[in-house]
Amino acid sequence: MTLTTEFEQHFSTVVGSEHMLQQFKHHTNHQRIRGMAKARALLQSA
């Protein structure tokens, strides 16, 4: 329910599983991706 009702509050730039966010971070040479903990918590069972 949280994922659908508060989606934009938790994710501002990229959305995906923790694994996909790690790949995005590596590909774009970012040091940190905002929302990693939320991805882990909200998308773990999705």
PDB file of N, CA and C in Angstrom:
ATOM      1  N   MET A   1       0.825  -1.184   0.000  1.00  0.00           N
ATOM      2  CA  MET A   1       0.000   0.000   0.000  1.00  0.00           C
ATOM      3  C   MET A   1       0.879   1.263   0.000  1.00  0.00           C
ATOM      4  N   THR A   2       1.919   1.256   0.816  1.00  0.00           N
ATOM      5  CA  THR A   2       2.821   2.413   0.877  1.00  0.00           C
ATOM      6  C   THR A   2       3.431   2.703  -0.480  1.00  0.00           C
ATOM      7  N   LEU A   3       3.821   1.671  -1.172  1.00  0.00           N
ATOM      8  CA  LEU A   3       4.465   1.836  -2.473  1.00  0.00           C
ATOM      9  C   LEU A   3       3.554   2.554  -3.465  1.00  0.00           C
ATOM     10  N   THR A   4       2.286   2.255  -3.452  1.00  0.00           N
ATOM     11  CA  THR A   4       1.376   2.875  -4.419  1.00  0.00           C
ATOM     12  C   THR A   4       0.878   4.243  -3.988  1.00  0.00           C
ATOM     13  N   THR A   5       0.714   4.480  -2.707  1.00  0.00           N
ATOM     14  CA  THR A   5       0.161   5.761  -2.261  1.00  0.00           C
ATOM     15  C   THR A   5       1.209   6.830  -2.013  1.00  0.00           C
ATOM     16  N   GLU A   6       2.453   6.445  -1.750  1.00  0.00           N
ATOM     17  CA  GLU A   6       3.508   7.409  -1.433  1.00  0.00           C
ATOM     18  C   GLU A   6       4.706   7.260  -2.362  1.00  0.00           C
ATOM     19  N   PHE A   7       4.464   6.798  -3.568  1.00  0.00           N
ATOM     20  CA  PHE A   7       5.526   6.484  -4.513  1.00  0.00           C
ATOM     21  C   PHE A   7       6.499   7.639  -4.718  1.00  0.00           C
ATOM     22  N   GLU A   8       6.009   8.826  -5.039  1.00  0.00           N
ATOM     23  CA  GLU A   8       6.874   9.966  -5.348  1.00  0.00           C
ATOM     24  C   GLU A   8       7.604  10.510  -4.127  1.00  0.00           C
ATOM     25  N   GLN A   9       7.123  10.223  -2.951  1.00  0.00           N
ATOM     26  CA  GLN A   9       7.810  10.667  -1.740  1.00  0.00           C
ATOM     27  C   GLN A   9       9.063   9.833  -1.480  1.00  0.00           C
ATOM     28  N   HIS A  10       9.052   8.597  -1.923  1.00  0.00           N
ATOM     29  CA  HIS A  10      10.161   7.688  -1.634  1.00  0.00           C
ATOM     30  C   HIS A  10      11.192   7.603  -2.749  1.00  0.00           C
ATOM     31  N   PHE A  11      10.775   7.874  -3.974  1.00  0.00           N
ATOM     32  CA  PHE A  11      11.682   7.769  -5.109  1.00  0.00           C
ATOM     33  C   PHE A  11      11.640   9.064  -5.900  1.00  0.00           C
ATOM     34  N   SER A  12      12.805   9.675  -6.082  1.00  0.00           N
ATOM     35  CA  SER A  12      12.808  10.967  -6.784  1.00  0.00           C
ATOM     36  C   SER A  12      13.463  10.904  -8.158  1.00  0.00           C
ATOM     37  N   THR A  13      14.417  10.021  -8.368  1.00  0.00           N
ATOM     38  CA  THR A  13      15.093   9.983  -9.665  1.00  0.00           C
ATOM     39  C   THR A  13      14.954   8.637 -10.357  1.00  0.00           C
ATOM     40  N   VAL A  14      15.406   7.591  -9.728  1.00  0.00           N
ATOM     41  CA  VAL A  14      15.327   6.262 -10.329  1.00  0.00           C
ATOM     42  C   VAL A  14      14.576   5.323  -9.398  1.00  0.00           C
ATOM     43  N   VAL A  15      13.969   4.321  -9.989  1.00  0.00           N
ATOM     44  CA  VAL A  15      13.194   3.347  -9.219  1.00  0.00           C
ATOM     45  C   VAL A  15      13.571   1.962  -9.691  1.00  0.00           C
ATOM     46  N   GLY A  16      13.733   1.083  -8.757  1.00  0.00           N
ATOM     47  CA  GLY A  16      14.014  -0.298  -9.111  1.00  0.00           C
ATOM     48  C   GLY A  16      14.482  -1.068  -7.892  1.00  0.00           C
ATOM     49  N   SER A  17      14.786  -2.310  -8.107  1.00  0.00           N
ATOM     50  CA  SER A  17      15.297  -3.134  -7.023  1.00  0.00           C
ATOM     51  C   SER A  17      16.669  -2.614  -6.596  1.00  0.00           C
ATOM     52  N   GLU A  18      17.105  -3.055  -5.450  1.00  0.00           N
ATOM     53  CA  GLU A  18      18.418  -2.628  -4.961  1.00  0.00           C
ATOM     54  C   GLU A  18      19.508  -3.004  -5.962  1.00  0.00           C
ATOM     55  N   HIS A  19      19.400  -4.167  -6.544  1.00  0.00           N
ATOM     56  CA  HIS A  19      20.380  -4.624  -7.534  1.00  0.00           C
ATOM     57  C   HIS A  19      20.410  -3.687  -8.746  1.00  0.00           C
ATOM     58  N   MET A  20      19.249  -3.301  -9.243  1.00  0.00           N
ATOM     59  CA  MET A  20      19.180  -2.423 -10.404  1.00  0.00           C
ATOM     60  C   MET A  20      19.703  -1.025 -10.063  1.00  0.00           C
ATOM     61  N   LEU A  21      19.443  -0.554  -8.865  1.00  0.00           N
ATOM     62  CA  LEU A  21      19.966   0.753  -8.457  1.00  0.00           C
ATOM     63  C   LEU A  21      21.486   0.716  -8.356  1.00  0.00           C
ATOM     64  N   GLN A  22      22.028  -0.403  -7.897  1.00  0.00           N
ATOM     65  CA  GLN A  22      23.490  -0.554  -7.840  1.00  0.00           C
ATOM     66  C   GLN A  22      24.083  -0.518  -9.249  1.00  0.00           C
ATOM     67  N   GLN A  23      23.427  -1.179 -10.188  1.00  0.00           N
ATOM     68  CA  GLN A  23      23.897  -1.162 -11.571  1.00  0.00           C
ATOM     69  C   GLN A  23      23.827   0.252 -12.147  1.00  0.00           C
ATOM     70  N   PHE A  24      22.736   0.958 -11.870  1.00  0.00           N
ATOM     71  CA  PHE A  24      22.585   2.335 -12.342  1.00  0.00           C
ATOM     72  C   PHE A  24      23.685   3.216 -11.764  1.00  0.00           C
ATOM     73  N   LYS A  25      23.953   3.055 -10.466  1.00  0.00           N
ATOM     74  CA  LYS A  25      24.993   3.835  -9.791  1.00  0.00           C
ATOM     75  C   LYS A  25      26.350   3.602 -10.452  1.00  0.00           C
ATOM     76  N   HIS A  26      26.662   2.364 -10.725  1.00  0.00           N
ATOM     77  CA  HIS A  26      27.935   2.033 -11.369  1.00  0.00           C
ATOM     78  C   HIS A  26      27.991   2.597 -12.791  1.00  0.00           C
ATOM     79  N   HIS A  27      26.922   2.450 -13.523  1.00  0.00           N
ATOM     80  CA  HIS A  27      26.872   2.902 -14.915  1.00  0.00           C
ATOM     81  C   HIS A  27      26.996   4.422 -15.037  1.00  0.00           C
ATOM     82  N   THR A  28      26.425   5.157 -14.091  1.00  0.00           N
ATOM     83  CA  THR A  28      26.430   6.617 -14.159  1.00  0.00           C
ATOM     84  C   THR A  28      27.536   7.246 -13.321  1.00  0.00           C
ATOM     85  N   ASN A  29      28.372   6.412 -12.689  1.00  0.00           N
ATOM     86  CA  ASN A  29      29.483   6.873 -11.846  1.00  0.00           C
ATOM     87  C   ASN A  29      29.028   7.740 -10.672  1.00  0.00           C
ATOM     88  N   HIS A  30      27.821   7.488 -10.175  1.00  0.00           N
ATOM     89  CA  HIS A  30      27.358   8.177  -8.971  1.00  0.00           C
ATOM     90  C   HIS A  30      27.982   7.501  -7.757  1.00  0.00           C
ATOM     91  N   GLN A  31      28.222   8.280  -6.733  1.00  0.00           N
ATOM     92  CA  GLN A  31      28.756   7.702  -5.502  1.00  0.00           C
ATOM     93  C   GLN A  31      27.629   7.150  -4.628  1.00  0.00           C
ATOM     94  N   ARG A  32      26.457   7.750  -4.773  1.00  0.00           N
ATOM     95  CA  ARG A  32      25.343   7.385  -3.915  1.00  0.00           C
ATOM     96  C   ARG A  32      24.041   7.571  -4.687  1.00  0.00           C
ATOM     97  N   ILE A  33      23.087   6.702  -4.447  1.00  0.00           N
ATOM     98  CA  ILE A  33      21.766   6.811  -5.052  1.00  0.00           C
ATOM     99  C   ILE A  33      20.751   7.001  -3.939  1.00  0.00           C
ATOM    100  N   ARG A  34      20.014   8.091  -4.011  1.00  0.00           N
ATOM    101  CA  ARG A  34      18.988   8.371  -3.015  1.00  0.00           C
ATOM    102  C   ARG A  34      17.850   7.370  -3.169  1.00  0.00           C
ATOM    103  N   GLY A  35      17.405   6.798  -2.068  1.00  0.00           N
ATOM    104  CA  GLY A  35      16.293   5.857  -2.095  1.00  0.00           C
ATOM    105  C   GLY A  35      16.700   4.399  -2.033  1.00  0.00           C
ATOM    106  N   MET A  36      17.976   4.136  -1.840  1.00  0.00           N
ATOM    107  CA  MET A  36      18.446   2.754  -1.801  1.00  0.00           C
ATOM    108  C   MET A  36      17.808   1.977  -0.635  1.00  0.00           C
ATOM    109  N   ALA A  37      17.740   2.571   0.519  1.00  0.00           N
ATOM    110  CA  ALA A  37      17.136   1.897   1.672  1.00  0.00           C
ATOM    111  C   ALA A  37      15.641   1.683   1.454  1.00  0.00           C
ATOM    112  N   LYS A  38      14.987   2.654   0.836  1.00  0.00           N
ATOM    113  CA  LYS A  38      13.558   2.510   0.549  1.00  0.00           C
ATOM    114  C   LYS A  38      13.325   1.417  -0.478  1.00  0.00           C
ATOM    115  N   ALA A  39      14.183   1.323  -1.469  1.00  0.00           N
ATOM    116  CA  ALA A  39      14.064   0.257  -2.465  1.00  0.00           C
ATOM    117  C   ALA A  39      14.205  -1.094  -1.781  1.00  0.00           C
ATOM    118  N   ARG A  40      15.153  -1.185  -0.885  1.00  0.00           N
ATOM    119  CA  ARG A  40      15.385  -2.437  -0.155  1.00  0.00           C
ATOM    120  C   ARG A  40      14.137  -2.799   0.662  1.00  0.00           C
ATOM    121  N   ALA A  41      13.567  -1.822   1.337  1.00  0.00           N
ATOM    122  CA  ALA A  41      12.426  -2.082   2.210  1.00  0.00           C
ATOM    123  C   ALA A  41      11.117  -2.302   1.444  1.00  0.00           C
ATOM    124  N   LEU A  42      10.861  -1.476   0.438  1.00  0.00           N
ATOM    125  CA  LEU A  42       9.573  -1.536  -0.236  1.00  0.00           C
ATOM    126  C   LEU A  42       9.514  -2.519  -1.390  1.00  0.00           C
ATOM    127  N   LEU A  43      10.626  -2.782  -2.038  1.00  0.00           N
ATOM    128  CA  LEU A  43      10.602  -3.629  -3.220  1.00  0.00           C
ATOM    129  C   LEU A  43      11.151  -5.032  -2.976  1.00  0.00           C
ATOM    130  N   GLN A  44      11.519  -5.329  -1.761  1.00  0.00           N
ATOM    131  CA  GLN A  44      12.096  -6.623  -1.440  1.00  0.00           C
ATOM    132  C   GLN A  44      11.131  -7.761  -1.775  1.00  0.00           C
ATOM    133  N   SER A  45       9.880  -7.593  -1.487  1.00  0.00           N
ATOM    134  CA  SER A  45       8.918  -8.665  -1.732  1.00  0.00           C
ATOM    135  C   SER A  45       8.123  -8.462  -3.010  1.00  0.00           C
ATOM    136  N   ALA A  46       8.410  -7.380  -3.744  1.00  0.00           N
ATOM    137  CA  ALA A  46       7.652  -7.107  -4.972  1.00  0.00           C
ATOM    138  C   ALA A  46       8.129  -7.936  -6.133  1.00  0.00           C
TER     139      ALA A  46
END
